[in-house]
N, C-alpha and C. Protein backbone atom coordinates (compact mmCIF):
# COMPACT_ATOMS: atom_id res chain seq x y z
N MET A 1 0.99 -1.03 -0.58
CA MET A 1 0.14 0.03 0.39
C MET A 1 0.77 0.90 0.00
N HIS A 2 -0.15 2.01 -0.02
CA HIS A 2 0.98 3.43 -0.20
C HIS A 2 1.41 4.13 1.53
N GLY A 3 2.16 4.79 1.22
CA GLY A 3 2.62 5.80 2.64
C GLY A 3 4.15 5.58 3.13
N PRO A 4 3.83 6.02 4.40
CA PRO A 4 5.94 6.03 4.48
C PRO A 4 6.47 4.45 4.97
N ALA A 5 7.31 4.58 4.79
CA ALA A 5 7.99 3.43 4.99
C ALA A 5 8.01 2.92 6.54
N SER A 6 8.36 3.41 7.44
CA SER A 6 8.20 3.02 8.84
C SER A 6 6.92 2.61 9.13
N PRO A 7 5.71 3.75 9.25
CA PRO A 7 4.10 2.91 9.30
C PRO A 7 4.10 1.86 9.11
N GLY A 8 4.70 1.09 7.49
CA GLY A 8 4.35 0.05 6.80
C GLY A 8 5.03 -1.24 6.95
N TRP A 9 6.42 -1.07 8.02
CA TRP A 9 7.25 -2.02 8.50
C TRP A 9 6.49 -2.59 9.29
N LEU A 10 5.50 -1.82 10.72
CA LEU A 10 4.57 -1.97 11.67
C LEU A 10 3.35 -3.23 10.95
N LEU A 11 3.17 -2.02 10.18
CA LEU A 11 1.83 -3.07 9.65
C LEU A 11 2.04 -4.49 9.17
N VAL A 12 2.97 -4.40 8.37
CA VAL A 12 3.85 -5.96 8.62
C VAL A 12 3.87 -6.89 9.40
N ALA A 13 4.61 -5.88 10.42
CA ALA A 13 4.83 -6.95 12.08
C ALA A 13 3.78 -7.54 12.21
N LEU A 14 3.28 -6.29 12.53
CA LEU A 14 1.66 -6.39 13.03
C LEU A 14 0.32 -7.42 12.67
N CYS A 15 0.77 -7.49 11.07
CA CYS A 15 -0.71 -8.44 10.64
C CYS A 15 0.72 -10.14 10.80
N ALA A 16 2.34 -10.01 10.20
CA ALA A 16 2.82 -11.57 9.89
C ALA A 16 2.44 -11.82 12.16
N ALA A 17 2.13 -11.58 13.10
CA ALA A 17 2.15 -11.68 14.33
C ALA A 17 0.62 -12.76 14.45
N THR A 18 0.17 -11.87 13.67
CA THR A 18 -1.17 -12.07 13.82
C THR A 18 -1.14 -13.22 13.53
N GLY A 19 -1.00 -13.02 12.03
CA GLY A 19 -0.91 -15.00 11.38
C GLY A 19 -0.39 -15.77 11.78
N ALA A 20 0.97 -15.67 12.37
CA ALA A 20 1.83 -16.63 12.72
C ALA A 20 0.33 -17.06 14.34
N TYR A 21 -0.09 -16.60 14.99
CA TYR A 21 -0.72 -16.73 15.92
C TYR A 21 -2.07 -17.61 15.59
N CYS A 22 -2.84 -16.85 14.64
CA CYS A 22 -4.15 -17.78 14.03
C CYS A 22 -3.04 -19.29 13.13
N LEU A 23 -2.28 -19.39 13.05
CA LEU A 23 -1.67 -20.58 12.90
C LEU A 23 -1.63 -21.44 14.39
N LEU A 24 -1.31 -20.99 14.86
CA LEU A 24 -1.39 -21.84 16.28
C LEU A 24 -2.22 -22.45 16.73
N ARG A 25 -3.62 -21.05 16.62
CA ARG A 25 -5.10 -21.59 16.16
C ARG A 25 -5.45 -22.45 15.75
N MET A 26 -4.96 -22.78 15.02
CA MET A 26 -5.40 -24.31 13.84
C MET A 26 -5.13 -25.05 14.40
N ARG A 27 -4.66 -25.46 15.56
CA ARG A 27 -3.94 -26.21 16.21
C ARG A 27 -5.30 -27.04 17.50
N SER A 28 -5.96 -25.63 17.10
CA SER A 28 -7.62 -26.13 18.46
C SER A 28 -7.97 -26.81 18.60
N THR A 29 -8.81 -28.10 19.13
CA THR A 29 -9.40 -28.97 19.25
C THR A 29 -11.18 -28.81 18.10
N VAL A 30 -11.75 -27.61 18.78
CA VAL A 30 -13.18 -27.31 18.19
C VAL A 30 -12.89 -26.85 16.54
N GLU A 31 -13.09 -27.94 15.66
CA GLU A 31 -13.65 -27.05 14.76
C GLU A 31 -13.34 -26.26 13.41
N GLU A 32 -14.68 -25.63 14.48
CA GLU A 32 -14.94 -24.61 13.91
C GLU A 32 -14.12 -23.16 14.04
N GLN A 33 -13.54 -23.32 15.02
CA GLN A 33 -12.29 -22.52 15.34
C GLN A 33 -11.39 -22.38 14.88
N ARG A 34 -10.51 -23.61 14.38
CA ARG A 34 -9.63 -24.56 13.46
C ARG A 34 -10.08 -23.51 12.20
N ARG A 35 -11.21 -24.22 11.45
CA ARG A 35 -11.65 -23.32 10.46
C ARG A 35 -11.72 -21.78 10.14
N ALA A 36 -11.97 -21.05 11.63
CA ALA A 36 -11.63 -19.49 11.24
C ALA A 36 -10.19 -18.97 11.34
N ALA A 37 -9.77 -20.18 12.13
CA ALA A 37 -8.63 -19.28 12.44
C ALA A 37 -7.11 -19.57 11.00
N GLY A 38 -8.03 -20.72 10.23
CA GLY A 38 -7.28 -20.55 8.98
C GLY A 38 -7.65 -19.63 7.97
N GLY A 39 -8.49 -19.38 7.72
CA GLY A 39 -9.36 -17.85 6.93
C GLY A 39 -8.38 -16.82 7.56
N GLU A 40 -8.20 -16.53 8.62
CA GLU A 40 -7.75 -15.46 9.50
C GLU A 40 -6.38 -15.82 8.98
N ALA A 41 -5.84 -16.68 8.99
CA ALA A 41 -4.58 -16.25 9.21
C ALA A 41 -4.11 -16.25 7.61
N LEU A 42 -5.14 -16.24 7.08
CA LEU A 42 -4.97 -16.18 5.21
C LEU A 42 -5.03 -14.56 4.80
N MET A 43 -6.06 -14.89 5.98
CA MET A 43 -6.11 -12.52 5.92
C MET A 43 -4.93 -11.75 6.61
N SER A 44 -4.38 -12.79 7.32
CA SER A 44 -3.35 -12.04 7.74
C SER A 44 -1.73 -12.20 7.11
N PHE A 45 -1.46 -13.14 6.27
CA PHE A 45 -0.57 -13.08 5.83
C PHE A 45 -0.53 -12.79 4.53
N GLY A 46 -1.65 -12.22 4.11
CA GLY A 46 -2.20 -11.52 3.01
C GLY A 46 -1.74 -9.89 3.21
N MET A 47 -2.49 -9.17 4.29
CA MET A 47 -2.03 -8.21 4.93
C MET A 47 -0.47 -7.69 4.95
N ALA A 48 -0.56 -8.72 5.70
CA ALA A 48 1.07 -8.35 5.55
C ALA A 48 1.98 -8.35 4.32
N ALA A 49 1.60 -9.09 3.65
CA ALA A 49 2.29 -9.09 2.14
C ALA A 49 2.27 -7.47 1.48
N MET A 50 0.64 -7.87 1.60
CA MET A 50 0.04 -6.24 1.22
C MET A 50 0.85 -5.15 1.21
N ALA A 51 0.76 -4.97 2.70
CA ALA A 51 2.01 -3.65 3.45
C ALA A 51 3.06 -3.54 3.28
N VAL A 52 3.50 -4.15 2.49
CA VAL A 52 4.92 -4.04 2.39
C VAL A 52 5.53 -2.59 1.49
N PRO A 53 6.27 -1.50 2.30
CA PRO A 53 6.40 -0.52 1.24
C PRO A 53 6.46 -0.49 -0.05
N ALA A 54 5.99 0.17 -0.52
CA ALA A 54 6.11 0.85 -2.16
C ALA A 54 7.98 0.90 -2.27
N ALA A 55 8.19 1.60 -1.39
CA ALA A 55 9.52 2.17 -1.76
C ALA A 55 10.41 0.59 -1.65
N VAL A 56 10.37 -0.21 -0.85
CA VAL A 56 10.71 -1.43 -0.59
C VAL A 56 10.64 -2.74 -1.83
N LEU A 57 9.69 -2.51 -2.24
CA LEU A 57 8.79 -3.47 -3.65
C LEU A 57 7.24 -3.18 -4.22
N THR A 58 7.63 -3.32 -5.37
CA THR A 58 6.35 -2.77 -5.77
C THR A 58 5.73 -3.87 -6.62
N PRO A 59 4.88 -4.75 -6.34
CA PRO A 59 4.85 -5.61 -6.71
C PRO A 59 4.20 -5.44 -8.47
N PRO A 60 4.34 -6.18 -9.56
CA PRO A 60 3.64 -6.01 -10.52
C PRO A 60 2.13 -6.23 -10.77
N ARG A 61 1.83 -5.38 -11.51
CA ARG A 61 0.17 -5.51 -11.68
C ARG A 61 -0.25 -7.09 -11.44
N TRP A 62 -0.01 -7.67 -12.13
CA TRP A 62 -0.30 -9.36 -12.34
C TRP A 62 -0.28 -9.57 -10.35
N ALA A 63 0.35 -9.36 -9.60
CA ALA A 63 0.46 -9.79 -8.36
C ALA A 63 -0.33 -9.12 -7.90
N TRP A 64 -1.09 -8.14 -7.70
CA TRP A 64 -2.55 -7.51 -7.66
C TRP A 64 -3.49 -7.88 -8.36
N LEU A 65 -3.64 -8.83 -9.19
CA LEU A 65 -4.55 -8.97 -9.79
C LEU A 65 -4.75 -10.67 -9.15
N VAL A 66 -4.28 -11.54 -8.55
CA VAL A 66 -3.61 -12.39 -7.76
C VAL A 66 -4.45 -12.28 -6.56
N TYR A 67 -3.82 -11.47 -6.14
CA TYR A 67 -4.34 -10.66 -5.11
C TYR A 67 -6.55 -10.81 -4.39
N THR A 68 -6.21 -10.03 -5.71
CA THR A 68 -7.83 -10.02 -5.80
C THR A 68 -8.72 -10.95 -6.24
N ALA A 69 -8.04 -12.22 -6.85
CA ALA A 69 -8.64 -13.18 -7.30
C ALA A 69 -8.50 -14.45 -6.18
N VAL A 70 -7.64 -14.08 -5.51
CA VAL A 70 -7.71 -15.56 -3.86
C VAL A 70 -8.35 -14.06 -2.83
N PHE A 71 -8.55 -13.12 -3.00
CA PHE A 71 -8.99 -12.62 -1.58
C PHE A 71 -11.08 -12.62 -2.42
N GLY A 72 -10.97 -12.18 -3.13
CA GLY A 72 -12.53 -12.54 -4.07
C GLY A 72 -13.21 -13.99 -3.69
N SER A 73 -12.05 -14.99 -4.26
CA SER A 73 -12.06 -16.66 -3.59
C SER A 73 -12.53 -16.48 -1.99
N ALA A 74 -12.09 -15.91 -1.35
CA ALA A 74 -12.25 -15.97 0.40
C ALA A 74 -13.27 -15.37 0.57
N ALA A 75 -14.13 -13.96 0.37
CA ALA A 75 -15.81 -13.73 -0.13
C ALA A 75 -16.23 -14.59 -0.95
N LEU A 76 -16.15 -15.28 -1.21
CA LEU A 76 -17.15 -15.95 -2.04
C LEU A 76 -17.46 -16.79 -1.34
N HIS A 77 -16.22 -17.77 -0.02
CA HIS A 77 -16.26 -18.65 0.29
C HIS A 77 -17.33 -18.26 1.64
N SER A 78 -16.67 -16.85 2.45
CA SER A 78 -17.71 -16.55 3.16
C SER A 78 -18.89 -16.29 3.45
N LEU A 79 -19.33 -15.68 1.76
CA LEU A 79 -20.57 -15.47 1.89
C LEU A 79 -21.41 -17.25 1.79
N TRP A 80 -20.93 -18.03 1.22
CA TRP A 80 -21.52 -19.48 1.50
C TRP A 80 -21.50 -20.18 2.56
N ALA A 81 -20.68 -19.13 3.63
CA ALA A 81 -20.39 -20.16 5.32
C ALA A 81 -21.20 -19.30 5.54
N ALA A 82 -22.13 -17.85 5.48
CA ALA A 82 -22.83 -16.80 5.69
C ALA A 82 -24.39 -17.55 6.01
N ARG A 83 -24.82 -18.52 5.49
CA ARG A 83 -25.88 -19.11 5.21
C ARG A 83 -25.91 -19.73 6.31
N THR A 84 -24.80 -20.27 7.40
CA THR A 84 -24.96 -21.57 8.29
C THR A 84 -25.02 -20.61 9.74
N GLY A 85 -24.47 -18.93 9.77
CA GLY A 85 -24.07 -18.03 10.78
C GLY A 85 -24.45 -17.05 10.41
N PRO A 86 -23.95 -16.40 10.69
CA PRO A 86 -23.79 -14.80 10.85
C PRO A 86 -22.52 -13.96 10.93
N HIS A 87 -22.06 -15.02 12.05
CA HIS A 87 -20.73 -14.59 12.20
C HIS A 87 -19.94 -14.64 11.06
N HIS A 88 -20.15 -15.25 9.58
CA HIS A 88 -19.71 -15.20 8.61
C HIS A 88 -19.96 -13.94 8.11
N LEU A 89 -20.43 -13.38 8.06
CA LEU A 89 -20.33 -12.04 7.25
C LEU A 89 -19.52 -10.75 8.44
N HIS A 90 -18.30 -11.02 9.19
CA HIS A 90 -17.60 -10.22 9.08
C HIS A 90 -16.44 -10.62 8.53
N HIS A 91 -16.30 -12.26 8.44
CA HIS A 91 -15.09 -12.20 7.12
C HIS A 91 -15.54 -12.00 5.85
N LEU A 92 -16.36 -12.19 5.30
CA LEU A 92 -16.76 -12.13 4.23
C LEU A 92 -16.80 -10.50 3.98
N MET A 93 -17.21 -9.78 5.02
CA MET A 93 -16.34 -8.11 4.99
C MET A 93 -14.93 -7.85 4.37
N GLY A 94 -14.51 -8.53 5.64
CA GLY A 94 -12.78 -8.82 5.59
C GLY A 94 -12.11 -9.15 4.12
N ALA A 95 -12.68 -9.66 3.46
CA ALA A 95 -12.23 -10.47 2.24
C ALA A 95 -12.81 -9.37 1.00
N PHE A 96 -14.05 -9.39 1.36
CA PHE A 96 -14.31 -8.46 0.29
C PHE A 96 -13.58 -6.54 0.15
N ALA A 97 -13.15 -6.44 1.85
CA ALA A 97 -12.08 -5.39 1.90
C ALA A 97 -10.92 -5.86 0.95
N MET A 98 -9.92 -7.05 1.42
CA MET A 98 -8.97 -6.94 0.68
C MET A 98 -8.78 -6.91 -0.72
N ALA A 99 -10.13 -8.21 -1.16
CA ALA A 99 -9.91 -7.79 -2.95
C ALA A 99 -9.89 -6.38 -3.29
N TYR A 100 -11.05 -5.56 -2.89
CA TYR A 100 -10.91 -4.34 -3.26
C TYR A 100 -9.99 -3.39 -3.39
N MET A 101 -8.86 -3.26 -2.31
CA MET A 101 -7.77 -3.22 -1.74
C MET A 101 -6.83 -3.46 -3.16
N ALA A 102 -7.18 -5.02 -3.31
CA ALA A 102 -6.25 -5.30 -4.59
C ALA A 102 -6.70 -4.96 -5.70
N ALA A 103 -8.01 -4.58 -5.96
CA ALA A 103 -8.27 -4.70 -7.54
C ALA A 103 -8.02 -2.73 -7.73
N ALA A 104 -7.78 -2.44 -6.63
CA ALA A 104 -7.57 -0.44 -6.71
C ALA A 104 -6.18 -0.33 -7.19
N MET A 105 -5.11 -1.40 -6.65
CA MET A 105 -4.08 -1.38 -6.49
C MET A 105 -3.67 -1.43 -7.94
N ALA A 106 -4.37 -2.75 -7.97
CA ALA A 106 -3.87 -3.36 -9.95
C ALA A 106 -4.69 -2.33 -10.65
N ALA A 107 -5.99 -1.25 -10.58
CA ALA A 107 -5.86 -0.37 -11.11
C ALA A 107 -5.14 0.59 -11.64
N ALA A 108 -4.92 0.92 -10.70
CA ALA A 108 -3.76 2.03 -9.94
C ALA A 108 -2.67 1.92 -9.35
N PRO A 109 -1.81 0.83 -9.82
CA PRO A 109 -0.40 0.74 -9.46
C PRO A 109 1.15 1.87 -8.94
N GLY A 110 1.24 2.08 -7.94
CA GLY A 110 1.91 3.33 -7.90
C GLY A 110 1.51 4.73 -7.77
N HIS A 111 -0.09 4.95 -7.82
CA HIS A 111 -0.62 6.39 -7.40
C HIS A 111 -1.61 6.02 -6.39
N HIS A 112 -1.49 7.28 -6.12
CA HIS A 112 -3.46 6.57 -4.87
C HIS A 112 -4.13 6.77 -5.61
N HIS A 113 -5.49 6.16 -4.92
CA HIS A 113 -6.73 5.26 -5.47
C HIS A 113 -7.29 6.73 -5.80
N GLY A 114 -7.38 7.76 -4.41
CA GLY A 114 -8.31 8.80 -4.67
C GLY A 114 -7.89 10.35 -5.76
N SER A 115 -6.27 9.88 -6.41
CA SER A 115 -5.53 10.47 -6.86
C SER A 115 -6.97 11.13 -8.13
N GLY A 116 -6.91 12.79 -8.28
CA GLY A 116 -7.71 13.01 -10.04
C GLY A 116 -8.85 13.03 -9.51
N THR A 117 -9.78 12.19 -8.79
CA THR A 117 -11.17 12.53 -8.09
C THR A 117 -11.79 13.70 -6.92
N ALA A 118 -13.09 13.81 -7.12
CA ALA A 118 -13.26 14.82 -6.17
C ALA A 118 -13.55 14.05 -4.68
N GLY A 119 -12.65 12.99 -4.54
CA GLY A 119 -12.44 12.71 -3.00
C GLY A 119 -12.76 11.31 -3.02
N VAL A 120 -12.23 10.80 -1.57
CA VAL A 120 -12.84 9.31 -1.22
C VAL A 120 -13.74 8.23 -1.66
N PRO A 121 -13.53 7.55 -3.31
CA PRO A 121 -14.80 6.88 -3.62
C PRO A 121 -15.50 6.16 -2.18
N LEU A 122 -17.16 6.53 -2.59
CA LEU A 122 -18.27 6.39 -1.97
C LEU A 122 -17.66 4.42 -1.17
N LEU A 123 -17.41 3.97 -2.00
CA LEU A 123 -16.86 2.45 -1.02
C LEU A 123 -16.18 2.31 0.08
N THR A 124 -15.01 3.04 -0.22
CA THR A 124 -13.56 3.36 0.48
C THR A 124 -14.54 4.19 1.39
N THR A 125 -15.20 5.11 1.10
CA THR A 125 -15.60 5.35 2.86
C THR A 125 -16.70 4.59 3.44
N ALA A 126 -17.21 3.87 2.68
CA ALA A 126 -18.20 3.32 3.65
C ALA A 126 -17.53 1.83 4.69
N LEU A 127 -16.54 1.08 3.58
CA LEU A 127 -15.56 -0.02 3.96
C LEU A 127 -15.27 0.72 5.52
N LEU A 128 -14.45 1.96 5.43
CA LEU A 128 -13.68 2.96 6.57
C LEU A 128 -15.19 2.96 7.39
N LEU A 129 -16.28 2.97 7.45
CA LEU A 129 -17.58 2.77 8.55
C LEU A 129 -17.18 2.11 9.23
N TYR A 130 -17.38 1.10 7.97
CA TYR A 130 -17.78 -0.68 9.23
C TYR A 130 -16.28 -1.00 9.97
N PHE A 131 -15.40 -0.80 9.04
CA PHE A 131 -13.73 -0.91 9.95
C PHE A 131 -13.94 -0.69 10.93
N THR A 132 -14.05 0.90 11.12
CA THR A 132 -13.81 1.74 12.03
C THR A 132 -14.53 1.57 13.27
N GLY A 133 -16.25 1.15 13.28
CA GLY A 133 -16.94 1.17 13.72
C GLY A 133 -16.76 -0.61 14.56
N TYR A 134 -16.00 -1.89 13.70
CA TYR A 134 -15.42 -2.64 13.94
C TYR A 134 -14.99 -2.93 15.53
N VAL A 135 -13.41 -2.56 14.95
CA VAL A 135 -12.38 -1.64 16.17
C VAL A 135 -13.26 -1.08 17.25
N LEU A 136 -13.64 -0.12 16.89
CA LEU A 136 -14.67 0.58 18.40
C LEU A 136 -15.58 -0.82 19.22
N LEU A 137 -16.33 -1.54 18.49
CA LEU A 137 -16.79 -2.57 19.12
C LEU A 137 -16.17 -3.67 20.07
N SER A 138 -14.55 -4.33 18.78
CA SER A 138 -13.68 -5.03 19.24
C SER A 138 -13.37 -4.51 20.68
N GLY A 139 -12.70 -3.36 20.77
CA GLY A 139 -11.49 -2.64 21.78
C GLY A 139 -12.71 -3.14 23.08
N VAL A 140 -14.13 -2.35 22.87
CA VAL A 140 -14.86 -2.93 23.97
C VAL A 140 -15.10 -3.44 24.81
N ARG A 141 -15.05 -4.29 23.61
CA ARG A 141 -15.60 -6.18 23.84
C ARG A 141 -14.29 -6.83 24.60
N LEU A 142 -13.62 -6.67 23.70
CA LEU A 142 -12.24 -6.98 24.86
C LEU A 142 -11.68 -6.65 25.93
N LEU A 143 -11.85 -5.66 26.68
CA LEU A 143 -11.83 -4.45 27.33
C LEU A 143 -12.64 -5.44 28.40
N SER A 144 -14.12 -6.16 27.83
CA SER A 144 -14.91 -6.63 28.86
C SER A 144 -14.92 -8.10 29.47
N VAL A 145 -13.72 -8.80 28.80
CA VAL A 145 -12.85 -9.99 28.90
C VAL A 145 -12.32 -10.21 30.55
N PRO A 146 -13.08 -11.04 31.20
CA PRO A 146 -12.06 -11.25 32.27
C PRO A 146 -10.72 -11.88 32.06
N VAL A 147 -9.74 -11.33 32.66
CA VAL A 147 -8.21 -11.86 31.92
C VAL A 147 -7.80 -13.44 33.82
N LEU A 148 -7.35 -13.88 32.77
CA LEU A 148 -7.01 -15.56 33.48
C LEU A 148 -5.88 -15.57 34.17
N ALA A 149 -6.11 -15.66 35.83
CA ALA A 149 -4.49 -15.07 36.77
C ALA A 149 -3.96 -16.75 36.26
N VAL A 150 -2.83 -16.03 36.72
CA VAL A 150 -2.00 -16.97 35.79
C VAL A 150 -0.78 -17.29 37.15
N GLY A 151 -0.85 -16.77 38.33
CA GLY A 151 0.42 -16.67 39.26
C GLY A 151 -0.74 -17.20 40.48
N GLY A 152 -0.04 -17.76 41.63
CA GLY A 152 -1.00 -18.13 42.73
C GLY A 152 -1.09 -16.12 43.63
N GLY A 153 -1.31 -15.52 43.37
CA GLY A 153 -1.17 -14.15 44.00
C GLY A 153 -2.18 -13.55 43.24
N GLY A 154 -2.67 -12.68 44.59
CA GLY A 154 -4.01 -11.27 43.94
C GLY A 154 -5.08 -12.55 44.50
N GLY A 155 -5.74 -13.46 44.94
CA GLY A 155 -6.72 -14.35 44.91
C GLY A 155 -7.88 -15.32 43.80
N GLY A 156 -6.92 -14.49 42.63
CA GLY A 156 -7.08 -15.42 41.67
C GLY A 156 -6.66 -16.78 41.27
N GLY A 157 -5.61 -17.08 42.04
CA GLY A 157 -5.21 -18.37 41.48
C GLY A 157 -4.67 -19.24 40.56
N VAL A 158 -3.74 -20.57 39.84
CA VAL A 158 -3.65 -21.13 38.55
C VAL A 158 -5.45 -21.59 38.55
N ARG A 159 -5.38 -21.80 37.31
CA ARG A 159 -7.05 -22.42 36.85
C ARG A 159 -6.09 -23.55 35.68
N THR A 160 -6.89 -24.70 36.56
CA THR A 160 -6.55 -26.34 35.96
C THR A 160 -7.22 -26.34 35.06
N GLY A 161 -6.48 -26.90 33.77
CA GLY A 161 -7.08 -26.86 32.74
C GLY A 161 -7.29 -25.86 32.33
N SER A 162 -7.01 -25.12 31.51
CA SER A 162 -7.09 -24.17 31.05
C SER A 162 -6.53 -24.06 29.81
N PRO A 163 -7.24 -23.81 28.85
CA PRO A 163 -7.01 -23.93 27.06
C PRO A 163 -5.64 -23.24 27.01
N GLY A 164 -5.35 -24.49 25.86
CA GLY A 164 -3.76 -24.23 25.33
C GLY A 164 -3.89 -22.28 25.13
N TRP A 165 -2.70 -22.09 24.25
CA TRP A 165 -2.46 -21.44 23.48
C TRP A 165 -3.62 -20.65 22.37
N GLY A 166 -3.63 -22.00 21.69
CA GLY A 166 -4.84 -21.77 20.29
C GLY A 166 -6.51 -21.87 20.84
N ASP A 167 -6.21 -21.96 22.23
CA ASP A 167 -8.07 -21.62 22.34
C ASP A 167 -8.12 -21.07 23.57
N ARG A 168 -7.35 -19.89 23.86
CA ARG A 168 -8.28 -18.38 24.31
C ARG A 168 -8.88 -17.73 24.03
N PRO A 169 -9.83 -17.43 23.76
CA PRO A 169 -10.66 -16.30 23.08
C PRO A 169 -10.75 -14.90 23.44
N GLU A 170 -10.19 -14.45 23.70
CA GLU A 170 -9.03 -13.23 25.01
C GLU A 170 -7.90 -12.97 23.03
N LEU A 171 -7.08 -13.80 23.43
CA LEU A 171 -6.73 -13.53 22.43
C LEU A 171 -7.03 -13.37 20.78
N ALA A 172 -8.04 -14.95 20.20
CA ALA A 172 -8.51 -14.34 19.50
C ALA A 172 -9.26 -12.88 18.93
N ARG A 173 -9.79 -12.73 20.02
CA ARG A 173 -10.36 -11.13 20.25
C ARG A 173 -9.16 -10.11 19.50
N ALA A 174 -8.21 -10.39 20.15
CA ALA A 174 -7.29 -9.17 19.85
C ALA A 174 -6.72 -9.23 18.73
N CYS A 175 -6.59 -10.47 18.05
CA CYS A 175 -6.32 -10.90 17.02
C CYS A 175 -7.23 -10.01 15.85
N ARG A 176 -8.51 -10.54 15.78
CA ARG A 176 -9.60 -9.90 15.19
C ARG A 176 -9.47 -8.04 15.17
N LEU A 177 -9.22 -7.97 16.54
CA LEU A 177 -9.04 -6.20 16.59
C LEU A 177 -8.18 -5.82 15.65
N SER A 178 -7.12 -6.47 16.00
CA SER A 178 -4.87 -6.03 15.10
C SER A 178 -5.88 -6.08 13.80
N MET A 179 -6.30 -7.40 12.98
CA MET A 179 -6.78 -7.20 11.72
C MET A 179 -7.78 -6.34 11.21
N GLY A 180 -8.69 -5.49 11.63
CA GLY A 180 -9.12 -4.41 11.29
C GLY A 180 -8.75 -3.14 11.95
N ILE A 181 -7.60 -3.49 12.76
CA ILE A 181 -7.34 -1.85 12.34
C ILE A 181 -6.11 -1.27 11.23
N ALA A 182 -5.24 -3.11 11.27
CA ALA A 182 -4.96 -3.04 10.09
C ALA A 182 -5.31 -2.66 8.70
N THR A 183 -6.49 -3.32 8.99
CA THR A 183 -7.64 -2.83 7.00
C THR A 183 -8.26 -1.34 7.69
N VAL A 184 -8.49 -1.10 8.87
CA VAL A 184 -7.92 0.89 8.50
C VAL A 184 -7.27 1.17 8.15
N ALA A 185 -6.07 0.79 8.52
CA ALA A 185 -5.12 1.79 8.19
C ALA A 185 -4.74 1.36 6.28
N MET A 186 -4.64 0.35 6.45
CA MET A 186 -4.31 0.28 4.95
C MET A 186 -5.94 1.03 3.75
N LEU A 187 -7.06 0.81 4.13
CA LEU A 187 -7.76 1.52 3.55
C LEU A 187 -7.46 2.92 3.55
N VAL A 188 -7.32 3.81 4.41
CA VAL A 188 -6.76 4.90 4.74
C VAL A 188 -5.77 5.38 3.82
N THR A 189 -4.88 4.45 3.38
CA THR A 189 -3.72 5.20 2.58
C THR A 189 -4.33 4.19 0.59
N LEU A 190 -5.11 4.44 1.07
CA LEU A 190 -5.42 3.61 -0.88
C LEU A 190 -5.35 4.73 -1.27
């Protein structure tokens, strides 16, 4: 995406770390959680690749078209999965946003998407509003998650049978929040 190199590298690191944790979550014993983690890992690593600063690497047009096809396919998969539950709609929005950003970059590589127009495109604005709302709501929800005590002091004690790193709902929420923040940042620089 466009923008200064330092924030771009921070975005790459955030997305790559999120993707790595999603790979850990794929070891969960809960099949639905494994499936969601796989999709989120794809999105995270794709976002990391797209966030590499243009001063370092400017992918050819065909690479953006491949990203568009991959994330467009993920959006179609999420649309199909949404018939079983509404929680898949957010995955649909994320995959669609990634496909949209990749298509915008394929259409105008090396240029800001909105340059030469009267302002920010309506679809970009709608996606920014959605993901900004998602980030704010997810942040509030994450703050309301009780923290597991891991030490012997403080009255909480050690929780026996505590979930492994792949089954920690607060970490999964933090990863989704990170991906939402990264999506907002990438949409702003589009």
